[in-house]
């Protein structure tokens, strides 16, 4: 895939800051996706316009912090639609807990 180019890496791992500039962060850019995330990322004017990740619920010690890469764009989408979007945009087939659960129902 062409996503190993600097532009591809920025497109698939970049996180927009409060000024809508994509940035690569040493830790934040490595947080994995879930369609049922336990945390949310958002841009903030605090920390000089950076990005914050906040838990949406208690996360037990040792559990992975997961965010949604869809930023609300998946509202009302079924598992197949979400997977197509994630494959096109981020080049992976989502096998998160929600997708696997909904896949079995289809």
PDB file of N, CA and C in Angstrom:
ATOM      1  N   UNK A   1       0.834  -1.189   0.000  1.00  0.00           N
ATOM      2  CA  UNK A   1       0.000   0.000   0.000  1.00  0.00           C
ATOM      3  C   UNK A   1       0.867   1.235   0.000  1.00  0.00           C
ATOM      4  N   UNK A   2       0.295   2.326  -0.506  1.00  0.00           N
ATOM      5  CA  UNK A   2       0.987   3.592  -0.543  1.00  0.00           C
ATOM      6  C   UNK A   2       0.936   4.335   0.769  1.00  0.00           C
ATOM      7  N   UNK A   3       0.361   3.748   1.815  1.00  0.00           N
ATOM      8  CA  UNK A   3       0.239   4.508   3.055  1.00  0.00           C
ATOM      9  C   UNK A   3       1.529   4.512   3.865  1.00  0.00           C
ATOM     10  N   UNK A   4       2.615   3.943   3.355  1.00  0.00           N
ATOM     11  CA  UNK A   4       3.900   3.997   4.046  1.00  0.00           C
ATOM     12  C   UNK A   4       4.706   5.216   3.616  1.00  0.00           C
ATOM     13  N   UNK A   5       4.165   6.027   2.738  1.00  0.00           N
ATOM     14  CA  UNK A   5       4.805   7.279   2.378  1.00  0.00           C
ATOM     15  C   UNK A   5       4.562   8.266   3.516  1.00  0.00           C
ATOM     16  N   UNK A   6       5.346   9.322   3.622  1.00  0.00           N
ATOM     17  CA  UNK A   6       5.085  10.308   4.678  1.00  0.00           C
ATOM     18  C   UNK A   6       3.647  10.846   4.646  1.00  0.00           C
ATOM     19  N   UNK A   7       3.118  11.109   3.455  1.00  0.00           N
ATOM     20  CA  UNK A   7       1.737  11.586   3.346  1.00  0.00           C
ATOM     21  C   UNK A   7       0.729  10.541   3.785  1.00  0.00           C
ATOM     22  N   UNK A   8       0.983   9.289   3.435  1.00  0.00           N
ATOM     23  CA  UNK A   8       0.093   8.201   3.839  1.00  0.00           C
ATOM     24  C   UNK A   8       0.108   7.989   5.337  1.00  0.00           C
ATOM     25  N   UNK A   9       1.280   8.075   5.926  1.00  0.00           N
ATOM     26  CA  UNK A   9       1.394   7.931   7.378  1.00  0.00           C
ATOM     27  C   UNK A   9       0.636   9.047   8.074  1.00  0.00           C
ATOM     28  N   UNK A  10       0.766  10.267   7.594  1.00  0.00           N
ATOM     29  CA  UNK A  10       0.058  11.392   8.198  1.00  0.00           C
ATOM     30  C   UNK A  10      -1.453  11.235   8.030  1.00  0.00           C
ATOM     31  N   UNK A  11      -1.911  10.775   6.852  1.00  0.00           N
ATOM     32  CA  UNK A  11      -3.355  10.583   6.618  1.00  0.00           C
ATOM     33  C   UNK A  11      -3.946   9.515   7.530  1.00  0.00           C
ATOM     34  N   UNK A  12      -3.221   8.445   7.785  1.00  0.00           N
ATOM     35  CA  UNK A  12      -3.786   7.348   8.572  1.00  0.00           C
ATOM     36  C   UNK A  12      -3.491   7.443  10.067  1.00  0.00           C
ATOM     37  N   UNK A  13      -2.518   8.263  10.466  1.00  0.00           N
ATOM     38  CA  UNK A  13      -2.150   8.357  11.880  1.00  0.00           C
ATOM     39  C   UNK A  13      -2.237   9.764  12.448  1.00  0.00           C
ATOM     40  N   UNK A  14      -2.458  10.742  11.594  1.00  0.00           N
ATOM     41  CA  UNK A  14      -2.511  12.126  12.048  1.00  0.00           C
ATOM     42  C   UNK A  14      -3.774  12.410  12.847  1.00  0.00           C
ATOM     43  N   UNK A  15      -3.640  13.291  13.806  1.00  0.00           N
ATOM     44  CA  UNK A  15      -4.765  13.721  14.629  1.00  0.00           C
ATOM     45  C   UNK A  15      -4.849  15.233  14.509  1.00  0.00           C
ATOM     46  N   UNK A  16      -6.036  15.740  14.170  1.00  0.00           N
ATOM     47  CA  UNK A  16      -6.208  17.180  14.013  1.00  0.00           C
ATOM     48  C   UNK A  16      -6.171  17.874  15.364  1.00  0.00           C
ATOM     49  N   UNK A  17      -5.471  19.011  15.397  1.00  0.00           N
ATOM     50  CA  UNK A  17      -5.439  19.802  16.615  1.00  0.00           C
ATOM     51  C   UNK A  17      -6.559  20.840  16.575  1.00  0.00           C
ATOM     52  N   UNK A  18      -6.584  21.753  17.526  1.00  0.00           N
ATOM     53  CA  UNK A  18      -7.647  22.758  17.620  1.00  0.00           C
ATOM     54  C   UNK A  18      -7.657  23.711  16.436  1.00  0.00           C
ATOM     55  N   UNK A  19      -6.565  23.780  15.676  1.00  0.00           N
ATOM     56  CA  UNK A  19      -6.511  24.646  14.497  1.00  0.00           C
ATOM     57  C   UNK A  19      -6.709  23.852  13.200  1.00  0.00           C
ATOM     58  N   UNK A  20      -7.149  22.598  13.330  1.00  0.00           N
ATOM     59  CA  UNK A  20      -7.395  21.699  12.203  1.00  0.00           C
ATOM     60  C   UNK A  20      -6.146  21.351  11.397  1.00  0.00           C
ATOM     61  N   UNK A  21      -4.998  21.373  12.039  1.00  0.00           N
ATOM     62  CA  UNK A  21      -3.770  20.895  11.417  1.00  0.00           C
ATOM     63  C   UNK A  21      -3.520  19.466  11.899  1.00  0.00           C
ATOM     64  N   UNK A  22      -3.250  18.574  10.968  1.00  0.00           N
ATOM     65  CA  UNK A  22      -2.952  17.178  11.329  1.00  0.00           C
ATOM     66  C   UNK A  22      -1.552  17.100  11.917  1.00  0.00           C
ATOM     67  N   UNK A  23      -1.447  16.380  13.017  1.00  0.00           N
ATOM     68  CA  UNK A  23      -0.172  16.205  13.700  1.00  0.00           C
ATOM     69  C   UNK A  23       0.039  14.729  14.001  1.00  0.00           C
ATOM     70  N   UNK A  24       1.293  14.334  14.072  1.00  0.00           N
ATOM     71  CA  UNK A  24       1.634  12.999  14.551  1.00  0.00           C
ATOM     72  C   UNK A  24       2.129  13.151  15.982  1.00  0.00           C
ATOM     73  N   UNK A  25       1.541  12.363  16.879  1.00  0.00           N
ATOM     74  CA  UNK A  25       1.917  12.391  18.286  1.00  0.00           C
ATOM     75  C   UNK A  25       2.546  11.046  18.635  1.00  0.00           C
ATOM     76  N   UNK A  26       3.620  11.087  19.413  1.00  0.00           N
ATOM     77  CA  UNK A  26       4.345   9.861  19.724  1.00  0.00           C
ATOM     78  C   UNK A  26       3.455   8.786  20.339  1.00  0.00           C
ATOM     79  N   UNK A  27       2.560   9.162  21.250  1.00  0.00           N
ATOM     80  CA  UNK A  27       1.687   8.186  21.900  1.00  0.00           C
ATOM     81  C   UNK A  27       0.276   8.214  21.325  1.00  0.00           C
ATOM     82  N   UNK A  28      -0.331   9.379  21.214  1.00  0.00           N
ATOM     83  CA  UNK A  28      -1.729   9.478  20.769  1.00  0.00           C
ATOM     84  C   UNK A  28      -1.958   8.880  19.389  1.00  0.00           C
ATOM     85  N   UNK A  29      -1.009   9.026  18.493  1.00  0.00           N
ATOM     86  CA  UNK A  29      -1.171   8.507  17.134  1.00  0.00           C
ATOM     87  C   UNK A  29      -1.126   6.985  17.085  1.00  0.00           C
ATOM     88  N   UNK A  30      -0.809   6.348  18.209  1.00  0.00           N
ATOM     89  CA  UNK A  30      -0.748   4.882  18.265  1.00  0.00           C
ATOM     90  C   UNK A  30      -1.982   4.264  18.913  1.00  0.00           C
ATOM     91  N   UNK A  31      -2.931   5.093  19.370  1.00  0.00           N
ATOM     92  CA  UNK A  31      -4.134   4.558  20.000  1.00  0.00           C
ATOM     93  C   UNK A  31      -4.971   3.860  18.935  1.00  0.00           C
ATOM     94  N   UNK A  32      -5.405   2.653  19.229  1.00  0.00           N
ATOM     95  CA  UNK A  32      -6.168   1.861  18.277  1.00  0.00           C
ATOM     96  C   UNK A  32      -7.640   2.243  18.251  1.00  0.00           C
ATOM     97  N   UNK A  33      -8.312   1.782  17.214  1.00  0.00           N
ATOM     98  CA  UNK A  33      -9.715   2.069  16.954  1.00  0.00           C
ATOM     99  C   UNK A  33     -10.637   1.001  17.527  1.00  0.00           C
ATOM    100  N   UNK A  34     -11.822   1.445  17.924  1.00  0.00           N
ATOM    101  CA  UNK A  34     -12.953   0.561  18.205  1.00  0.00           C
ATOM    102  C   UNK A  34     -14.216   1.302  17.815  1.00  0.00           C
ATOM    103  N   UNK A  35     -15.179   0.581  17.274  1.00  0.00           N
ATOM    104  CA  UNK A  35     -16.479   1.187  16.956  1.00  0.00           C
ATOM    105  C   UNK A  35     -17.306   1.386  18.230  1.00  0.00           C
ATOM    106  N   UNK A  36     -16.837   0.835  19.343  1.00  0.00           N
ATOM    107  CA  UNK A  36     -17.441   1.039  20.669  1.00  0.00           C
ATOM    108  C   UNK A  36     -16.308   1.452  21.612  1.00  0.00           C
ATOM    109  N   UNK A  37     -15.762   2.662  21.423  1.00  0.00           N
ATOM    110  CA  UNK A  37     -14.569   3.070  22.160  1.00  0.00           C
ATOM    111  C   UNK A  37     -14.821   3.298  23.650  1.00  0.00           C
ATOM    112  N   UNK A  38     -13.750   3.208  24.428  1.00  0.00           N
ATOM    113  CA  UNK A  38     -13.857   3.512  25.850  1.00  0.00           C
ATOM    114  C   UNK A  38     -13.303   4.899  26.165  1.00  0.00           C
ATOM    115  N   UNK A  39     -12.808   5.596  25.140  1.00  0.00           N
ATOM    116  CA  UNK A  39     -12.283   6.949  25.301  1.00  0.00           C
ATOM    117  C   UNK A  39     -12.625   7.768  24.056  1.00  0.00           C
ATOM    118  N   UNK A  40     -12.524   9.065  24.190  1.00  0.00           N
ATOM    119  CA  UNK A  40     -12.787   9.964  23.065  1.00  0.00           C
ATOM    120  C   UNK A  40     -11.638  10.968  22.971  1.00  0.00           C
ATOM    121  N   UNK A  41     -11.277  11.320  21.758  1.00  0.00           N
ATOM    122  CA  UNK A  41     -10.249  12.347  21.564  1.00  0.00           C
ATOM    123  C   UNK A  41     -10.937  13.615  21.101  1.00  0.00           C
ATOM    124  N   UNK A  42     -10.406  14.729  21.519  1.00  0.00           N
ATOM    125  CA  UNK A  42     -10.937  15.994  21.048  1.00  0.00           C
ATOM    126  C   UNK A  42      -9.849  17.048  21.068  1.00  0.00           C
ATOM    127  N   UNK A  43     -10.010  18.017  20.185  1.00  0.00           N
ATOM    128  CA  UNK A  43      -9.075  19.131  20.126  1.00  0.00           C
ATOM    129  C   UNK A  43      -9.452  20.108  21.222  1.00  0.00           C
ATOM    130  N   UNK A  44      -8.454  20.742  21.781  1.00  0.00           N
ATOM    131  CA  UNK A  44      -8.702  21.661  22.880  1.00  0.00           C
ATOM    132  C   UNK A  44      -7.771  22.861  22.787  1.00  0.00           C
ATOM    133  N   UNK A  45      -8.259  24.000  23.229  1.00  0.00           N
ATOM    134  CA  UNK A  45      -7.405  25.181  23.265  1.00  0.00           C
ATOM    135  C   UNK A  45      -6.420  25.112  24.424  1.00  0.00           C
ATOM    136  N   UNK A  46      -6.721  24.244  25.393  1.00  0.00           N
ATOM    137  CA  UNK A  46      -5.749  24.016  26.466  1.00  0.00           C
ATOM    138  C   UNK A  46      -4.537  23.325  25.853  1.00  0.00           C
ATOM    139  N   UNK A  47      -3.457  23.332  26.520  1.00  0.00           N
ATOM    140  CA  UNK A  47      -2.225  22.689  26.031  1.00  0.00           C
ATOM    141  C   UNK A  47      -1.807  23.238  24.676  1.00  0.00           C
ATOM    142  N   UNK A  48      -1.950  24.546  24.482  1.00  0.00           N
ATOM    143  CA  UNK A  48      -1.526  25.218  23.237  1.00  0.00           C
ATOM    144  C   UNK A  48      -2.204  24.659  21.993  1.00  0.00           C
ATOM    145  N   UNK A  49      -3.508  24.389  22.086  1.00  0.00           N
ATOM    146  CA  UNK A  49      -4.254  23.938  20.915  1.00  0.00           C
ATOM    147  C   UNK A  49      -4.055  22.477  20.584  1.00  0.00           C
ATOM    148  N   UNK A  50      -3.663  21.681  21.545  1.00  0.00           N
ATOM    149  CA  UNK A  50      -3.379  20.273  21.303  1.00  0.00           C
ATOM    150  C   UNK A  50      -4.612  19.389  21.331  1.00  0.00           C
ATOM    151  N   UNK A  51      -4.406  18.143  21.657  1.00  0.00           N
ATOM    152  CA  UNK A  51      -5.445  17.129  21.637  1.00  0.00           C
ATOM    153  C   UNK A  51      -5.493  16.465  23.013  1.00  0.00           C
ATOM    154  N   UNK A  52      -6.710  16.149  23.451  1.00  0.00           N
ATOM    155  CA  UNK A  52      -6.883  15.433  24.713  1.00  0.00           C
ATOM    156  C   UNK A  52      -7.620  14.137  24.436  1.00  0.00           C
ATOM    157  N   UNK A  53      -7.319  13.116  25.219  1.00  0.00           N
ATOM    158  CA  UNK A  53      -8.048  11.850  25.174  1.00  0.00           C
ATOM    159  C   UNK A  53      -8.634  11.661  26.564  1.00  0.00           C
ATOM    160  N   UNK A  54      -9.963  11.466  26.615  1.00  0.00           N
ATOM    161  CA  UNK A  54     -10.664  11.372  27.888  1.00  0.00           C
ATOM    162  C   UNK A  54     -11.469  10.076  27.910  1.00  0.00           C
ATOM    163  N   UNK A  55     -11.392   9.356  29.025  1.00  0.00           N
ATOM    164  CA  UNK A  55     -12.153   8.112  29.181  1.00  0.00           C
ATOM    165  C   UNK A  55     -13.649   8.418  29.167  1.00  0.00           C
ATOM    166  N   UNK A  56     -14.431   7.565  28.488  1.00  0.00           N
ATOM    167  CA  UNK A  56     -15.884   7.696  28.472  1.00  0.00           C
ATOM    168  C   UNK A  56     -16.520   6.882  29.590  1.00  0.00           C
ATOM    169  N   UNK A  57     -15.752   5.984  30.157  1.00  0.00           N
ATOM    170  CA  UNK A  57     -16.210   5.133  31.258  1.00  0.00           C
ATOM    171  C   UNK A  57     -14.960   4.637  31.985  1.00  0.00           C
ATOM    172  N   UNK A  58     -15.148   3.976  33.100  1.00  0.00           N
ATOM    173  CA  UNK A  58     -14.000   3.418  33.804  1.00  0.00           C
ATOM    174  C   UNK A  58     -13.290   2.409  32.909  1.00  0.00           C
ATOM    175  N   UNK A  59     -11.990   2.508  32.852  1.00  0.00           N
ATOM    176  CA  UNK A  59     -11.176   1.584  32.068  1.00  0.00           C
ATOM    177  C   UNK A  59     -10.319   0.810  33.062  1.00  0.00           C
ATOM    178  N   UNK A  60     -10.582  -0.485  33.187  1.00  0.00           N
ATOM    179  CA  UNK A  60      -9.799  -1.281  34.141  1.00  0.00           C
ATOM    180  C   UNK A  60      -8.303  -1.255  33.808  1.00  0.00           C
ATOM    181  N   UNK A  61      -7.496  -1.296  34.836  1.00  0.00           N
ATOM    182  CA  UNK A  61      -6.049  -1.329  34.653  1.00  0.00           C
ATOM    183  C   UNK A  61      -5.685  -2.500  33.742  1.00  0.00           C
ATOM    184  N   UNK A  62      -4.845  -2.232  32.772  1.00  0.00           N
ATOM    185  CA  UNK A  62      -4.403  -3.261  31.837  1.00  0.00           C
ATOM    186  C   UNK A  62      -5.221  -3.315  30.558  1.00  0.00           C
ATOM    187  N   UNK A  63      -6.434  -2.712  30.558  1.00  0.00           N
ATOM    188  CA  UNK A  63      -7.238  -2.675  29.330  1.00  0.00           C
ATOM    189  C   UNK A  63      -6.680  -1.636  28.374  1.00  0.00           C
ATOM    190  N   UNK A  64      -6.809  -1.903  27.106  1.00  0.00           N
ATOM    191  CA  UNK A  64      -6.336  -0.983  26.081  1.00  0.00           C
ATOM    192  C   UNK A  64      -7.273   0.214  25.980  1.00  0.00           C
ATOM    193  N   UNK A  65      -6.700   1.399  25.835  1.00  0.00           N
ATOM    194  CA  UNK A  65      -7.495   2.601  25.561  1.00  0.00           C
ATOM    195  C   UNK A  65      -7.805   2.589  24.077  1.00  0.00           C
ATOM    196  N   UNK A  66      -9.088   2.740  23.744  1.00  0.00           N
ATOM    197  CA  UNK A  66      -9.551   2.675  22.349  1.00  0.00           C
ATOM    198  C   UNK A  66     -10.386   3.910  22.030  1.00  0.00           C
ATOM    199  N   UNK A  67     -10.157   4.481  20.853  1.00  0.00           N
ATOM    200  CA  UNK A  67     -10.940   5.618  20.380  1.00  0.00           C
ATOM    201  C   UNK A  67     -11.580   5.252  19.050  1.00  0.00           C
ATOM    202  N   UNK A  68     -12.571   6.020  18.639  1.00  0.00           N
ATOM    203  CA  UNK A  68     -13.156   5.822  17.315  1.00  0.00           C
ATOM    204  C   UNK A  68     -12.443   6.717  16.317  1.00  0.00           C
ATOM    205  N   UNK A  69     -12.003   6.138  15.214  1.00  0.00           N
ATOM    206  CA  UNK A  69     -11.382   6.926  14.155  1.00  0.00           C
ATOM    207  C   UNK A  69     -12.439   7.627  13.314  1.00  0.00           C
ATOM    208  N   UNK A  70     -13.717   7.289  13.521  1.00  0.00           N
ATOM    209  CA  UNK A  70     -14.801   7.796  12.672  1.00  0.00           C
ATOM    210  C   UNK A  70     -15.315   9.167  13.132  1.00  0.00           C
ATOM    211  N   UNK A  71     -15.005   9.572  14.345  1.00  0.00           N
ATOM    212  CA  UNK A  71     -15.417  10.881  14.860  1.00  0.00           C
ATOM    213  C   UNK A  71     -16.892  11.185  14.637  1.00  0.00           C
ATOM    214  N   UNK A  72     -17.751  10.202  14.872  1.00  0.00           N
ATOM    215  CA  UNK A  72     -19.193  10.399  14.755  1.00  0.00           C
ATOM    216  C   UNK A  72     -19.749  10.178  13.361  1.00  0.00           C
ATOM    217  N   UNK A  73     -18.898  10.016  12.356  1.00  0.00           N
ATOM    218  CA  UNK A  73     -19.368   9.814  10.980  1.00  0.00           C
ATOM    219  C   UNK A  73     -20.082   8.479  10.816  1.00  0.00           C
ATOM    220  N   UNK A  74     -19.907   7.574  11.776  1.00  0.00           N
ATOM    221  CA  UNK A  74     -20.494   6.238  11.695  1.00  0.00           C
ATOM    222  C   UNK A  74     -21.891   6.168  12.293  1.00  0.00           C
ATOM    223  N   UNK A  75     -22.414   7.298  12.747  1.00  0.00           N
ATOM    224  CA  UNK A  75     -23.749   7.326  13.354  1.00  0.00           C
ATOM    225  C   UNK A  75     -24.768   6.664  12.422  1.00  0.00           C
ATOM    226  N   UNK A  76     -25.379   5.601  12.879  1.00  0.00           N
ATOM    227  CA  UNK A  76     -26.403   4.905  12.108  1.00  0.00           C
ATOM    228  C   UNK A  76     -25.878   3.914  11.085  1.00  0.00           C
ATOM    229  N   UNK A  77     -24.574   3.796  10.942  1.00  0.00           N
ATOM    230  CA  UNK A  77     -23.999   2.861   9.976  1.00  0.00           C
ATOM    231  C   UNK A  77     -24.036   1.444  10.531  1.00  0.00           C
ATOM    232  N   UNK A  78     -24.207   0.497   9.655  1.00  0.00           N
ATOM    233  CA  UNK A  78     -24.093  -0.904  10.020  1.00  0.00           C
ATOM    234  C   UNK A  78     -22.644  -1.343   9.940  1.00  0.00           C
ATOM    235  N   UNK A  79     -22.389  -2.553  10.356  1.00  0.00           N
ATOM    236  CA  UNK A  79     -21.031  -3.079  10.411  1.00  0.00           C
ATOM    237  C   UNK A  79     -20.366  -3.055   9.028  1.00  0.00           C
ATOM    238  N   UNK A  80     -21.084  -3.426   7.989  1.00  0.00           N
ATOM    239  CA  UNK A  80     -20.480  -3.468   6.647  1.00  0.00           C
ATOM    240  C   UNK A  80     -20.082  -2.074   6.172  1.00  0.00           C
ATOM    241  N   UNK A  81     -20.944  -1.083   6.411  1.00  0.00           N
ATOM    242  CA  UNK A  81     -20.640   0.298   6.005  1.00  0.00           C
ATOM    243  C   UNK A  81     -19.423   0.835   6.766  1.00  0.00           C
ATOM    244  N   UNK A  82     -19.380   0.573   8.079  1.00  0.00           N
ATOM    245  CA  UNK A  82     -18.242   1.034   8.875  1.00  0.00           C
ATOM    246  C   UNK A  82     -16.956   0.406   8.369  1.00  0.00           C
ATOM    247  N   UNK A  83     -17.009  -0.891   8.098  1.00  0.00           N
ATOM    248  CA  UNK A  83     -15.800  -1.586   7.647  1.00  0.00           C
ATOM    249  C   UNK A  83     -15.312  -1.058   6.306  1.00  0.00           C
ATOM    250  N   UNK A  84     -16.233  -0.762   5.399  1.00  0.00           N
ATOM    251  CA  UNK A  84     -15.839  -0.201   4.096  1.00  0.00           C
ATOM    252  C   UNK A  84     -15.138   1.136   4.306  1.00  0.00           C
ATOM    253  N   UNK A  85     -15.734   1.996   5.139  1.00  0.00           N
ATOM    254  CA  UNK A  85     -15.131   3.311   5.401  1.00  0.00           C
ATOM    255  C   UNK A  85     -13.740   3.164   6.017  1.00  0.00           C
ATOM    256  N   UNK A  86     -13.621   2.330   7.034  1.00  0.00           N
ATOM    257  CA  UNK A  86     -12.336   2.157   7.710  1.00  0.00           C
ATOM    258  C   UNK A  86     -11.293   1.547   6.779  1.00  0.00           C
ATOM    259  N   UNK A  87     -11.718   0.631   5.918  1.00  0.00           N
ATOM    260  CA  UNK A  87     -10.785   0.014   4.959  1.00  0.00           C
ATOM    261  C   UNK A  87     -10.286   1.061   3.959  1.00  0.00           C
ATOM    262  N   UNK A  88     -11.216   1.887   3.446  1.00  0.00           N
ATOM    263  CA  UNK A  88     -10.831   2.909   2.473  1.00  0.00           C
ATOM    264  C   UNK A  88      -9.956   3.989   3.103  1.00  0.00           C
ATOM    265  N   UNK A  89     -10.333   4.437   4.280  1.00  0.00           N
ATOM    266  CA  UNK A  89      -9.646   5.561   4.915  1.00  0.00           C
ATOM    267  C   UNK A  89      -8.365   5.157   5.649  1.00  0.00           C
ATOM    268  N   UNK A  90      -8.412   4.007   6.351  1.00  0.00           N
ATOM    269  CA  UNK A  90      -7.310   3.644   7.238  1.00  0.00           C
ATOM    270  C   UNK A  90      -6.635   2.319   6.891  1.00  0.00           C
ATOM    271  N   UNK A  91      -7.152   1.621   5.897  1.00  0.00           N
ATOM    272  CA  UNK A  91      -6.520   0.410   5.365  1.00  0.00           C
ATOM    273  C   UNK A  91      -6.494  -0.768   6.343  1.00  0.00           C
ATOM    274  N   UNK A  92      -7.588  -0.936   7.123  1.00  0.00           N
ATOM    275  CA  UNK A  92      -7.686  -2.135   7.958  1.00  0.00           C
ATOM    276  C   UNK A  92      -9.130  -2.618   8.007  1.00  0.00           C
ATOM    277  N   UNK A  93      -9.287  -3.909   8.260  1.00  0.00           N
ATOM    278  CA  UNK A  93     -10.584  -4.559   8.417  1.00  0.00           C
ATOM    279  C   UNK A  93     -10.897  -4.588   9.910  1.00  0.00           C
ATOM    280  N   UNK A  94     -11.942  -3.900  10.328  1.00  0.00           N
ATOM    281  CA  UNK A  94     -12.240  -3.762  11.751  1.00  0.00           C
ATOM    282  C   UNK A  94     -12.810  -5.058  12.323  1.00  0.00           C
ATOM    283  N   UNK A  95     -12.172  -5.510  13.381  1.00  0.00           N
ATOM    284  CA  UNK A  95     -12.642  -6.691  14.107  1.00  0.00           C
ATOM    285  C   UNK A  95     -12.834  -6.347  15.587  1.00  0.00           C
ATOM    286  N   UNK A  96     -13.303  -5.119  15.827  1.00  0.00           N
ATOM    287  CA  UNK A  96     -13.553  -4.728  17.206  1.00  0.00           C
ATOM    288  C   UNK A  96     -14.730  -5.538  17.756  1.00  0.00           C
ATOM    289  N   UNK A  97     -14.927  -5.455  19.049  1.00  0.00           N
ATOM    290  CA  UNK A  97     -15.975  -6.223  19.720  1.00  0.00           C
ATOM    291  C   UNK A  97     -17.352  -5.952  19.107  1.00  0.00           C
ATOM    292  N   UNK A  98     -17.660  -4.690  18.817  1.00  0.00           N
ATOM    293  CA  UNK A  98     -18.966  -4.341  18.243  1.00  0.00           C
ATOM    294  C   UNK A  98     -19.129  -4.923  16.844  1.00  0.00           C
ATOM    295  N   UNK A  99     -18.113  -4.807  16.009  1.00  0.00           N
ATOM    296  CA  UNK A  99     -18.208  -5.340  14.642  1.00  0.00           C
ATOM    297  C   UNK A  99     -18.390  -6.855  14.648  1.00  0.00           C
ATOM    298  N   UNK A 100     -17.632  -7.550  15.488  1.00  0.00           N
ATOM    299  CA  UNK A 100     -17.771  -9.001  15.554  1.00  0.00           C
ATOM    300  C   UNK A 100     -19.160  -9.403  16.039  1.00  0.00           C
ATOM    301  N   UNK A 101     -19.696  -8.685  17.001  1.00  0.00           N
ATOM    302  CA  UNK A 101     -21.031  -8.963  17.519  1.00  0.00           C
ATOM    303  C   UNK A 101     -22.096  -8.718  16.451  1.00  0.00           C
ATOM    304  N   UNK A 102     -21.989  -7.590  15.734  1.00  0.00           N
ATOM    305  CA  UNK A 102     -22.971  -7.277  14.691  1.00  0.00           C
ATOM    306  C   UNK A 102     -22.803  -8.170  13.471  1.00  0.00           C
ATOM    307  N   UNK A 103     -21.589  -8.617  13.192  1.00  0.00           N
ATOM    308  CA  UNK A 103     -21.324  -9.527  12.071  1.00  0.00           C
ATOM    309  C   UNK A 103     -22.081 -10.833  12.267  1.00  0.00           C
ATOM    310  N   UNK A 104     -22.122 -11.328  13.489  1.00  0.00           N
ATOM    311  CA  UNK A 104     -22.806 -12.589  13.777  1.00  0.00           C
ATOM    312  C   UNK A 104     -24.315 -12.476  13.600  1.00  0.00           C
ATOM    313  N   UNK A 105     -24.864 -11.265  13.791  1.00  0.00           N
ATOM    314  CA  UNK A 105     -26.304 -11.047  13.664  1.00  0.00           C
ATOM    315  C   UNK A 105     -26.738 -10.942  12.209  1.00  0.00           C
ATOM    316  N   UNK A 106     -25.790 -10.611  11.302  1.00  0.00           N
ATOM    317  CA  UNK A 106     -26.164 -10.420   9.883  1.00  0.00           C
ATOM    318  C   UNK A 106     -26.409 -11.728   9.188  1.00  0.00           C
TER     319      UNK A 106
END
